[in-house]
Amino acid sequence: MMKVTSHVQRPSGEWIINTLMIDGYDVAFKYKRKKLYKKLEGQRVNLTYYPDVESIAGINTEIMTVVRIRVS
């Protein structure tokens, strides 16, 4: 189980992009949903994820793409 320190949701077309920051990790965990999700800040979650690289303004940034999230 991991503790969420920050949770941000922002619209991108018809999707809502969710970005999580996890205690003890320096990389963002991202996932998409069609609807807004409840605030996860301070919650403990179980995540299934894989490492990925995202290019922002020509700079490659490491992210973790979340496949499954469960609130514990």
N, C-alpha and C. Protein backbone atom coordinates (compact mmCIF):
# COMPACT_ATOMS: atom_id res chain seq x y z
N MET A 1 0.84 -1.18 0.00
CA MET A 1 0.00 0.00 0.00
C MET A 1 0.88 1.24 0.00
N MET A 2 0.43 2.24 -0.72
CA MET A 2 1.17 3.49 -0.86
C MET A 2 0.29 4.65 -0.42
N LYS A 3 0.90 5.65 0.18
CA LYS A 3 0.15 6.81 0.64
C LYS A 3 0.24 7.93 -0.40
N VAL A 4 -0.92 8.48 -0.77
CA VAL A 4 -0.99 9.55 -1.76
C VAL A 4 -0.72 10.88 -1.07
N THR A 5 0.26 11.64 -1.58
CA THR A 5 0.57 12.96 -1.00
C THR A 5 -0.08 14.09 -1.79
N SER A 6 -0.37 13.86 -3.08
CA SER A 6 -0.99 14.89 -3.91
C SER A 6 -1.82 14.22 -5.00
N HIS A 7 -3.01 14.78 -5.28
CA HIS A 7 -3.89 14.27 -6.32
C HIS A 7 -4.47 15.45 -7.09
N VAL A 8 -4.18 15.50 -8.40
CA VAL A 8 -4.65 16.60 -9.25
C VAL A 8 -5.44 16.00 -10.41
N GLN A 9 -6.60 16.61 -10.73
CA GLN A 9 -7.43 16.18 -11.85
C GLN A 9 -7.60 17.35 -12.80
N ARG A 10 -7.42 17.10 -14.11
CA ARG A 10 -7.61 18.17 -15.08
C ARG A 10 -8.21 17.60 -16.36
N PRO A 11 -9.10 18.35 -17.00
CA PRO A 11 -9.73 17.86 -18.23
C PRO A 11 -8.77 17.91 -19.42
N SER A 12 -8.89 16.94 -20.30
CA SER A 12 -8.13 16.90 -21.55
C SER A 12 -9.05 16.29 -22.60
N GLY A 13 -9.77 17.15 -23.31
CA GLY A 13 -10.77 16.66 -24.26
C GLY A 13 -11.92 16.04 -23.50
N GLU A 14 -12.27 14.80 -23.84
CA GLU A 14 -13.36 14.12 -23.14
C GLU A 14 -12.87 13.30 -21.95
N TRP A 15 -11.58 13.30 -21.70
CA TRP A 15 -10.98 12.54 -20.60
C TRP A 15 -10.61 13.46 -19.44
N ILE A 16 -10.51 12.88 -18.25
CA ILE A 16 -9.99 13.57 -17.07
C ILE A 16 -8.64 12.91 -16.76
N ILE A 17 -7.56 13.69 -16.78
CA ILE A 17 -6.23 13.19 -16.47
C ILE A 17 -6.01 13.33 -14.97
N ASN A 18 -5.69 12.22 -14.31
CA ASN A 18 -5.43 12.21 -12.88
C ASN A 18 -3.94 12.01 -12.67
N THR A 19 -3.34 12.84 -11.83
CA THR A 19 -1.92 12.73 -11.51
C THR A 19 -1.78 12.56 -10.01
N LEU A 20 -1.09 11.50 -9.61
CA LEU A 20 -0.85 11.22 -8.19
C LEU A 20 0.63 11.36 -7.88
N MET A 21 0.93 11.90 -6.73
CA MET A 21 2.28 11.86 -6.19
C MET A 21 2.21 10.97 -4.96
N ILE A 22 3.12 10.00 -4.90
CA ILE A 22 3.12 8.99 -3.86
C ILE A 22 4.28 9.25 -2.91
N ASP A 23 4.03 9.06 -1.62
CA ASP A 23 5.05 9.25 -0.59
C ASP A 23 6.23 8.32 -0.85
N GLY A 24 7.44 8.89 -0.94
CA GLY A 24 8.65 8.11 -1.14
C GLY A 24 9.07 7.97 -2.60
N TYR A 25 8.27 8.48 -3.53
CA TYR A 25 8.59 8.41 -4.96
C TYR A 25 8.73 9.82 -5.52
N ASP A 26 9.66 10.01 -6.47
CA ASP A 26 9.87 11.31 -7.09
C ASP A 26 9.27 11.38 -8.50
N VAL A 27 8.43 10.44 -8.84
CA VAL A 27 7.86 10.36 -10.18
C VAL A 27 6.34 10.42 -10.08
N ALA A 28 5.71 11.00 -11.11
CA ALA A 28 4.25 11.13 -11.12
C ALA A 28 3.60 9.83 -11.60
N PHE A 29 2.47 9.50 -11.01
CA PHE A 29 1.66 8.36 -11.41
C PHE A 29 0.44 8.92 -12.10
N LYS A 30 0.20 8.56 -13.37
CA LYS A 30 -0.89 9.15 -14.16
C LYS A 30 -1.86 8.07 -14.64
N TYR A 31 -3.14 8.48 -14.70
CA TYR A 31 -4.17 7.63 -15.31
C TYR A 31 -5.30 8.50 -15.81
N LYS A 32 -6.12 7.94 -16.72
CA LYS A 32 -7.24 8.66 -17.32
C LYS A 32 -8.56 8.05 -16.88
N ARG A 33 -9.58 8.91 -16.79
CA ARG A 33 -10.95 8.46 -16.50
C ARG A 33 -11.90 9.34 -17.30
N LYS A 34 -13.10 8.83 -17.52
CA LYS A 34 -14.13 9.61 -18.22
C LYS A 34 -14.81 10.60 -17.27
N LYS A 35 -14.86 10.27 -15.97
CA LYS A 35 -15.52 11.11 -14.97
C LYS A 35 -14.52 11.53 -13.91
N LEU A 36 -14.88 12.57 -13.15
CA LEU A 36 -14.05 12.98 -12.02
C LEU A 36 -14.00 11.86 -10.98
N TYR A 37 -12.88 11.76 -10.28
CA TYR A 37 -12.69 10.74 -9.26
C TYR A 37 -12.67 11.44 -7.92
N LYS A 38 -12.99 10.72 -6.85
CA LYS A 38 -12.94 11.34 -5.53
C LYS A 38 -11.49 11.70 -5.19
N LYS A 39 -11.32 12.69 -4.32
CA LYS A 39 -9.98 13.12 -3.91
C LYS A 39 -9.28 11.99 -3.17
N LEU A 40 -8.07 11.69 -3.58
CA LEU A 40 -7.31 10.60 -2.98
C LEU A 40 -6.20 11.09 -2.06
N GLU A 41 -6.06 12.39 -1.91
CA GLU A 41 -4.98 12.93 -1.08
C GLU A 41 -5.11 12.42 0.36
N GLY A 42 -4.02 11.82 0.88
CA GLY A 42 -4.01 11.29 2.22
C GLY A 42 -4.47 9.84 2.33
N GLN A 43 -5.02 9.29 1.25
CA GLN A 43 -5.51 7.91 1.24
C GLN A 43 -4.37 6.92 0.98
N ARG A 44 -4.59 5.69 1.38
CA ARG A 44 -3.67 4.60 1.04
C ARG A 44 -4.29 3.84 -0.14
N VAL A 45 -3.47 3.57 -1.15
CA VAL A 45 -3.96 2.93 -2.37
C VAL A 45 -3.06 1.77 -2.77
N ASN A 46 -3.65 0.80 -3.46
CA ASN A 46 -2.91 -0.27 -4.12
C ASN A 46 -2.90 0.09 -5.60
N LEU A 47 -1.72 0.10 -6.21
CA LEU A 47 -1.59 0.47 -7.61
C LEU A 47 -0.95 -0.65 -8.42
N THR A 48 -1.41 -0.81 -9.63
CA THR A 48 -0.72 -1.62 -10.63
C THR A 48 -0.30 -0.63 -11.70
N TYR A 49 0.99 -0.58 -12.01
CA TYR A 49 1.50 0.44 -12.92
C TYR A 49 2.72 -0.09 -13.68
N TYR A 50 3.12 0.67 -14.70
CA TYR A 50 4.34 0.36 -15.43
C TYR A 50 5.05 1.67 -15.77
N PRO A 51 6.38 1.62 -15.87
CA PRO A 51 7.14 2.85 -16.18
C PRO A 51 6.95 3.26 -17.64
N ASP A 52 6.96 4.55 -17.88
CA ASP A 52 6.77 5.10 -19.22
C ASP A 52 7.55 6.40 -19.31
N VAL A 53 7.72 6.91 -20.52
CA VAL A 53 8.40 8.20 -20.73
C VAL A 53 7.44 9.12 -21.46
N GLU A 54 7.31 10.36 -20.96
CA GLU A 54 6.43 11.36 -21.55
C GLU A 54 7.29 12.53 -22.01
N SER A 55 7.07 13.00 -23.21
CA SER A 55 7.83 14.12 -23.74
C SER A 55 7.03 15.41 -23.56
N ILE A 56 7.58 16.33 -22.78
CA ILE A 56 6.94 17.62 -22.53
C ILE A 56 7.89 18.71 -23.00
N ALA A 57 7.49 19.44 -24.03
CA ALA A 57 8.30 20.52 -24.61
C ALA A 57 9.69 20.01 -25.02
N GLY A 58 9.74 18.80 -25.55
CA GLY A 58 11.01 18.24 -26.01
C GLY A 58 11.87 17.63 -24.94
N ILE A 59 11.39 17.64 -23.70
CA ILE A 59 12.15 17.07 -22.59
C ILE A 59 11.46 15.78 -22.16
N ASN A 60 12.22 14.69 -22.16
CA ASN A 60 11.66 13.41 -21.74
C ASN A 60 11.58 13.33 -20.22
N THR A 61 10.40 12.97 -19.72
CA THR A 61 10.15 12.86 -18.28
C THR A 61 9.63 11.47 -17.97
N GLU A 62 10.19 10.86 -16.95
CA GLU A 62 9.73 9.53 -16.55
C GLU A 62 8.43 9.67 -15.77
N ILE A 63 7.45 8.83 -16.11
CA ILE A 63 6.18 8.77 -15.38
C ILE A 63 5.83 7.30 -15.15
N MET A 64 4.88 7.06 -14.30
CA MET A 64 4.33 5.72 -14.10
C MET A 64 2.89 5.76 -14.58
N THR A 65 2.55 4.90 -15.53
CA THR A 65 1.19 4.82 -16.04
C THR A 65 0.42 3.79 -15.21
N VAL A 66 -0.65 4.24 -14.59
CA VAL A 66 -1.44 3.39 -13.70
C VAL A 66 -2.42 2.58 -14.52
N VAL A 67 -2.45 1.27 -14.28
CA VAL A 67 -3.37 0.36 -14.96
C VAL A 67 -4.58 0.08 -14.06
N ARG A 68 -4.34 -0.05 -12.76
CA ARG A 68 -5.41 -0.33 -11.81
C ARG A 68 -5.12 0.41 -10.51
N ILE A 69 -6.19 0.96 -9.92
CA ILE A 69 -6.04 1.65 -8.64
C ILE A 69 -7.17 1.18 -7.71
N ARG A 70 -6.82 0.86 -6.49
CA ARG A 70 -7.79 0.45 -5.47
C ARG A 70 -7.50 1.21 -4.18
N VAL A 71 -8.53 1.82 -3.63
CA VAL A 71 -8.40 2.54 -2.35
C VAL A 71 -8.50 1.51 -1.23
N SER A 72 -7.54 1.55 -0.33
CA SER A 72 -7.52 0.57 0.78
C SER A 72 -8.14 1.16 2.03
